[in-house]
Structures are given as C-alpha cells and as structure tokens.
Protein backbone atom coordinates (compact mmCIF):
# COMPACT_ATOMS: atom_id res chain seq x y z
CA MET A 1 0.00 0.00 0.00
CA PRO A 2 1.35 3.48 -0.78
CA THR A 3 2.53 5.76 1.94
CA SER A 4 2.07 9.43 2.60
CA PRO A 5 4.81 11.67 1.19
CA ASP A 6 5.10 13.22 4.67
CA ASP A 7 5.64 10.05 6.70
CA ASP A 8 5.95 6.28 6.55
CA THR A 9 2.36 5.39 7.50
CA ALA A 10 0.10 3.60 5.05
CA LEU A 11 -2.69 5.72 3.65
CA PRO A 12 -6.18 4.23 3.97
CA PRO A 13 -8.25 3.66 0.83
CA TRP A 14 -11.51 5.49 0.18
CA ARG A 15 -14.28 4.44 2.53
CA PRO A 16 -17.43 2.99 0.96
CA GLY A 17 -20.32 5.35 1.64
CA ASP A 18 -18.18 8.49 1.59
CA PRO A 19 -19.40 11.13 -0.91
CA GLY A 20 -18.83 10.03 -4.49
CA VAL A 21 -17.00 6.82 -3.60
CA VAL A 22 -17.78 3.91 -5.91
CA VAL A 23 -16.83 0.37 -4.98
CA LEU A 24 -16.12 -1.61 -8.13
CA PRO A 25 -16.98 -5.34 -8.19
CA SER A 26 -13.32 -6.20 -7.48
CA GLY A 27 -13.36 -4.08 -4.32
CA ARG A 28 -11.31 -1.25 -5.83
CA THR A 29 -12.62 2.17 -4.82
CA VAL A 30 -12.68 5.33 -6.93
CA ARG A 31 -14.15 8.69 -6.03
CA GLY A 32 -16.12 10.64 -8.59
CA ARG A 33 -16.94 14.29 -8.03
CA GLY A 34 -17.88 17.60 -9.57
CA LEU A 35 -15.22 20.28 -9.48
CA ARG A 36 -17.84 23.02 -9.13
CA ARG A 37 -18.67 21.68 -5.67
CA PRO A 38 -16.45 22.01 -2.59
CA LEU A 39 -13.89 19.29 -1.96
CA PRO A 40 -15.57 16.62 0.21
CA ASP A 41 -14.47 16.23 3.81
CA GLY A 42 -12.05 13.43 4.54
CA PRO A 43 -8.75 12.34 3.08
CA ALA A 44 -7.39 13.88 -0.08
CA PRO A 45 -6.80 11.86 -3.23
CA GLU A 46 -3.35 10.58 -4.03
CA TYR A 47 -4.06 10.85 -7.75
CA GLY A 48 -6.72 12.64 -9.76
CA VAL A 49 -7.77 12.57 -13.38
CA TYR A 50 -9.68 15.65 -14.49
CA LEU A 51 -11.98 15.30 -17.47
CA LEU A 52 -12.07 18.83 -18.82
CA GLY A 53 -11.71 20.85 -21.98
CA THR A 54 -9.20 23.18 -20.30
CA ALA A 55 -6.50 22.94 -17.64
CA PRO A 56 -7.70 21.59 -14.28
CA PRO A 57 -7.42 23.56 -11.05
CA GLU A 58 -4.16 23.31 -9.11
CA VAL A 59 -4.24 20.51 -6.53
CA PRO A 60 -1.61 19.35 -4.02
CA TRP A 61 -1.71 15.72 -5.23
CA GLU A 62 -0.57 14.10 -8.45
CA ALA A 63 -3.02 14.97 -11.21
CA ARG A 64 -3.48 14.86 -14.94
CA LEU A 65 -5.82 16.33 -17.48
CA LEU A 66 -7.74 14.11 -19.87
CA ARG A 67 -9.10 16.47 -22.52
CA TRP A 68 -12.83 15.85 -22.57
CA PRO A 69 -15.14 18.76 -23.45
CA ASP A 70 -18.43 19.08 -21.55
CA PHE A 71 -21.28 16.88 -22.89
CA ARG A 72 -18.92 15.25 -25.38
CA LEU A 73 -16.44 12.39 -25.62
CA PRO A 74 -12.69 12.30 -24.92
CA ALA A 75 -10.66 14.24 -27.47
CA ASP A 76 -8.32 11.24 -27.89
CA ARG A 77 -10.05 7.91 -27.29
CA GLU A 78 -6.82 5.88 -27.23
CA GLU A 79 -5.36 8.20 -24.61
CA ALA A 80 -8.62 7.99 -22.64
CA ARG A 81 -8.49 4.20 -22.63
CA ALA A 82 -4.88 4.23 -21.42
CA VAL A 83 -5.59 6.83 -18.72
CA LEU A 84 -8.66 4.95 -17.46
CA ALA A 85 -6.71 1.68 -17.41
CA GLY A 86 -4.12 3.49 -15.29
CA VAL A 87 -6.84 4.77 -12.95
CA TRP A 88 -8.16 1.23 -12.59
CA GLU A 89 -4.67 -0.12 -11.81
CA ARG A 90 -3.91 2.61 -9.28
CA ALA A 91 -7.29 2.22 -7.58
CA ALA A 92 -6.15 -1.18 -6.30
CA GLY A 93 -4.04 0.53 -3.65
CA GLU A 94 -4.39 4.31 -3.91
CA ARG A 95 -7.07 6.93 -3.36
CA VAL A 96 -7.90 7.92 -6.93
CA GLU A 97 -10.57 10.34 -8.08
CA VAL A 98 -12.03 11.23 -11.44
CA ALA A 99 -13.83 14.53 -11.80
CA CYS A 100 -15.39 16.90 -14.29
CA GLY A 101 -17.27 20.16 -13.81
CA GLY A 102 -20.60 18.77 -12.62
CA GLY A 103 -19.54 15.24 -11.72
CA ARG A 104 -22.22 13.38 -13.69
CA GLY A 105 -21.74 13.17 -17.46
CA ARG A 106 -18.03 12.81 -18.10
CA THR A 107 -17.32 11.49 -14.60
CA GLY A 108 -20.18 8.99 -14.84
CA THR A 109 -18.97 7.90 -18.27
CA ALA A 110 -15.43 7.38 -16.96
CA LEU A 111 -16.75 5.45 -13.94
CA ALA A 112 -18.85 3.25 -16.24
CA CYS A 113 -15.73 2.54 -18.30
CA LEU A 114 -13.87 1.64 -15.10
CA ALA A 115 -16.70 -0.76 -14.28
CA VAL A 116 -16.19 -2.38 -17.71
CA LEU A 117 -12.47 -2.73 -16.97
CA ASP A 118 -13.49 -4.34 -13.68
CA GLY A 119 -15.70 -6.95 -15.36
CA VAL A 120 -19.13 -5.34 -15.74
CA PRO A 121 -20.45 -6.08 -19.26
CA PRO A 122 -20.38 -2.91 -21.40
CA ASP A 123 -24.12 -3.07 -22.12
CA ARG A 124 -24.83 -3.04 -18.36
CA ALA A 125 -22.21 -0.54 -17.19
CA VAL A 126 -24.36 2.60 -17.50
CA GLY A 127 -27.08 1.05 -15.36
CA TRP A 128 -24.44 -0.18 -12.93
CA VAL A 129 -22.90 3.28 -12.48
CA ARG A 130 -26.34 4.85 -12.09
CA ARG A 131 -27.11 2.45 -9.26
CA HIS A 132 -23.73 2.77 -7.55
CA TYR A 133 -22.78 6.42 -8.19
CA HIS A 134 -25.55 8.74 -9.38
CA PRO A 135 -28.95 8.05 -10.99
CA ARG A 136 -28.29 10.61 -13.76
CA ALA A 137 -24.68 9.62 -14.49
CA VAL A 138 -23.74 9.36 -18.18
CA GLU A 139 -25.81 12.20 -19.62
CA THR A 140 -25.81 11.98 -23.40
CA PRO A 141 -26.68 9.30 -25.97
CA TRP A 142 -23.13 9.41 -27.36
CA GLN A 143 -21.65 8.94 -23.86
CA LYS A 144 -23.89 5.87 -23.42
CA ARG A 145 -22.77 4.54 -26.81
CA TYR A 146 -19.13 5.18 -25.88
CA VAL A 147 -19.54 3.00 -22.77
CA ARG A 148 -21.32 0.24 -24.72
CA ARG A 149 -18.39 0.15 -27.16
CA PHE A 150 -15.69 0.37 -24.48
CA THR A 151 -13.78 -2.91 -24.11
CA ALA A 152 -11.82 -4.35 -21.24
C-alpha cells in the first residue's frame, strides 16, 4: 500500500459510503466528483484525473488532465483508454478520483468505463454506475454509446 509523502504510514483507501466513492466489483474504490462543488471532507486523493476541456485547477496531489469537453467524448479515445486503465490499476491501492465540472456526465462515463475494466459487461455498465454512483450519471446518448463500445 502506498505511503504518505510526509511520513511512513500507510494511507487508507476510500471508505465505501463516503461522498462520491464507488466500490467496483473487485473491491477497488474510486471517487467521482464535480469540481464546481467544494472538496468533500475526509482524506485527499493521491491521484486525480480531471476530465475537462481546459486545464484543471491546481491541486496538491498528483493529477493529470484528460481532454474531454463538456457533454462530449474524450478528445483522444486511445489516450482515454490508457488513462482509465491506469486509474483502474492505481485504484487497487491508492485513493484515486475522477472529476469533471458537474460530476455526472463525463465522470459517470469514466466510472462506467472503469466498471467495464473491472468486469461489468459494457451493455450493463451505464445502469451499474447509475445504481452505484448517481442516478443521472452518463448524460448523453453518445456517452452511453461510448460506454457500450468500451472494451476491457
């Protein structure tokens, strides 16, 4: 398990039930959130992927931008697949978050893709993320289609 950069103690994973935390079928946890809302109470992420059309806000943890305009699809689908696979890998032992402006469309789409990587069939992943994250996650028809075509 990773350790804090400030000391040698192991950092705990996200807690199921905390705001935005999704527990994937494998037990990995990922936090989804909207950047227009205040940072939730509790521990900070160790890594964040920000699904935006412009540069993300400065954060004190490791972060990267995945260019993804609002209500659309990732600008580079191959890069998106690689980044989401990296999120899935890191979620096995780190506190990882994915976030967009509102926390539903792009974030929900990314979480549904993570569910596919974790073994949820692509044609069931949107329903799965709506049950486990937010009932209006994955907002547009093309985001739904993107998830259905996403492969593990």
